[in-house]
Each structure stands twice: as C-alpha cells, then as structure tokens.
Protein backbone atom coordinates (compact mmCIF):
# COMPACT_ATOMS: atom_id res chain seq x y z
CA MET A 1 0.00 0.00 0.00
CA SER A 2 1.38 3.40 -0.87
CA ALA A 3 2.26 6.12 1.59
CA GLU A 4 -0.32 8.28 -0.20
CA ALA A 5 -3.06 5.79 0.68
CA LEU A 6 -2.07 6.05 4.33
CA LYS A 7 -2.27 9.84 4.43
CA GLY A 8 -4.01 10.87 7.61
CA HIS A 9 -3.27 7.53 9.28
CA LEU A 10 0.53 7.45 9.20
CA ASP A 11 1.01 9.16 12.56
CA GLY A 12 -1.24 6.70 14.34
CA LEU A 13 0.49 3.74 12.70
CA LEU A 14 3.92 5.04 13.67
CA LEU A 15 2.82 5.68 17.24
CA ALA A 16 1.34 2.17 17.43
CA SER A 17 4.60 0.67 16.16
CA LEU A 18 6.38 2.26 19.14
CA GLU A 19 3.83 1.21 21.76
CA ALA A 20 5.75 -1.93 22.78
CA GLY A 21 8.94 0.04 23.38
CA PRO A 22 11.76 1.93 21.72
CA ARG A 23 12.73 1.05 18.14
CA HIS A 24 15.20 2.40 15.65
CA GLY A 25 13.81 3.72 12.37
CA TYR A 26 14.33 0.59 10.30
CA ALA A 27 12.75 -1.53 13.06
CA VAL A 28 9.70 0.75 12.85
CA ILE A 29 9.52 0.06 9.10
CA GLU A 30 9.82 -3.69 9.74
CA ALA A 31 7.14 -3.57 12.46
CA LEU A 32 4.72 -1.84 10.09
CA ARG A 33 5.47 -4.28 7.27
CA ASP A 34 5.34 -7.40 9.46
CA GLY A 35 2.31 -6.27 11.46
CA SER A 36 0.34 -5.62 8.26
CA SER A 37 1.35 -8.84 6.47
CA GLY A 38 3.39 -6.80 4.01
CA HIS A 39 0.67 -4.29 3.11
CA PHE A 40 2.49 -1.33 4.72
CA ASP A 41 5.99 -1.48 3.24
CA LEU A 42 6.87 2.19 3.56
CA PRO A 43 10.03 3.81 2.26
CA THR A 44 12.55 5.42 4.60
CA GLY A 45 11.79 8.74 2.89
CA THR A 46 8.29 8.57 4.34
CA VAL A 47 9.00 7.13 7.78
CA TYR A 48 12.04 9.09 8.94
CA PRO A 49 10.63 12.57 8.23
CA ALA A 50 7.38 11.55 9.93
CA LEU A 51 9.29 10.34 13.02
CA ARG A 52 11.15 13.66 13.15
CA ARG A 53 7.85 15.53 12.82
CA LEU A 54 6.35 13.46 15.66
CA GLU A 55 9.41 14.23 17.75
CA ALA A 56 9.09 17.96 17.06
CA ALA A 57 5.44 17.69 18.17
CA GLY A 58 6.52 16.07 21.45
CA LEU A 59 4.83 12.74 20.71
CA VAL A 60 8.05 10.72 20.49
CA GLN A 61 11.53 11.24 21.82
CA SER A 62 14.73 9.92 20.36
CA GLY A 63 18.08 8.88 21.66
CA TRP A 64 21.09 6.93 20.51
CA SER A 65 21.71 3.22 21.03
CA VAL A 66 24.21 0.69 19.74
CA VAL A 67 22.71 -2.23 17.81
CA ALA A 68 25.06 -4.90 16.43
CA GLY A 69 27.96 -2.53 16.87
CA ARG A 70 26.24 0.28 14.97
CA ARG A 71 25.01 3.50 16.48
CA ARG A 72 21.32 4.07 15.72
CA ARG A 73 18.74 6.63 16.67
CA THR A 74 15.90 5.02 18.58
CA TYR A 75 12.45 6.47 19.05
CA GLU A 76 9.97 5.95 21.86
CA LEU A 77 6.57 7.29 22.85
CA THR A 78 6.27 10.15 25.27
CA PRO A 79 3.26 10.38 27.61
CA ALA A 80 1.74 12.82 25.10
CA GLY A 81 2.39 10.26 22.36
CA ARG A 82 0.54 7.57 24.33
CA ARG A 83 -2.45 9.92 24.71
CA ALA A 84 -2.30 10.76 20.99
CA LEU A 85 -2.26 7.05 20.14
CA SER A 86 -5.33 6.49 22.30
CA ASP A 87 -7.06 9.40 20.54
CA GLN A 88 -6.05 8.03 17.11
CA ARG A 89 -7.55 4.65 18.01
CA THR A 90 -10.84 6.26 19.00
CA ILE A 91 -10.94 8.29 15.78
CA TRP A 92 -10.11 5.19 13.72
CA ASP A 93 -12.80 3.09 15.43
CA GLU A 94 -15.45 5.71 14.71
CA PHE A 95 -14.27 6.24 11.12
CA SER A 96 -13.97 2.55 10.26
CA HIS A 97 -17.38 1.80 11.79
CA ALA A 98 -19.00 4.56 9.72
CA VAL A 99 -17.32 3.41 6.49
CA SER A 100 -18.17 -0.25 7.16
CA THR A 101 -21.78 0.69 7.79
CA LEU A 102 -21.99 2.58 4.51
CA LEU A 103 -20.26 -0.10 2.46
CA ARG A 104 -22.30 -3.03 3.77
CA PRO A 105 -24.77 -4.39 1.23
CA ARG A 106 -28.27 -3.13 1.80
CA SER A 107 -31.51 -4.91 1.16
CA ARG A 108 -33.37 -3.85 -1.98
CA GLY A 109 -36.17 -2.24 0.04
CA ALA A 110 -33.84 0.27 1.69
CA THR A 111 -33.89 3.90 0.56
C-alpha cells in the first residue's frame, strides 16, 4: 500500500509501532510491514521525516543506542504520544465503523 493511501493515518500507525517500546527507524519500518502482512511497506523517505515531525510535536523522543555494533537513533513514545495514540484509536474506530456501515450491502427495500 502506498504512503499516499495512508495519508491521515501514518502518525497513528507510527505511534502504534512504538507502543511496545523503543525502536530504531528501520525496526519501525519492519514492524509496520510485518504487522500488516506486508501491506504497509513504507520507504525510509516517508517514515524518517514523519518520526522527526512526531518528535518535534513532542509525541516521540529519540536517543542513541548501539545495535550490532552500529550507532542508531531510537524512538519511543512520550506520555503525550501515548495519549495521541489512544485518541487516534478512537478516531479510527469511529471512522472505520461509519465506512463499514456505509459499504455493507443493503436490502433492496432500503432507501
């Protein structure tokens, strides 16, 4: 699925990928890809700028770690990020319910 198709949902997906704990950028990409059975295979050019934007908004914080001998920037949720994720889930539940309701087949007698 393209990054364009995820517009408006990317922040929530990124926040959800960090819910279990800190991850470096590529691990975030892998978590999105693996957690969606390959549907969300986003390029670094989409994910890294979005993580920086979320950091600037105070929803994630970053730091440096060493993974397999390499220094990597890791990202983790802030308390504000956890609240934003909760809000995103509520918004998504309401949106997906409304869309599902509209897309369900209707009986012929319905107007």
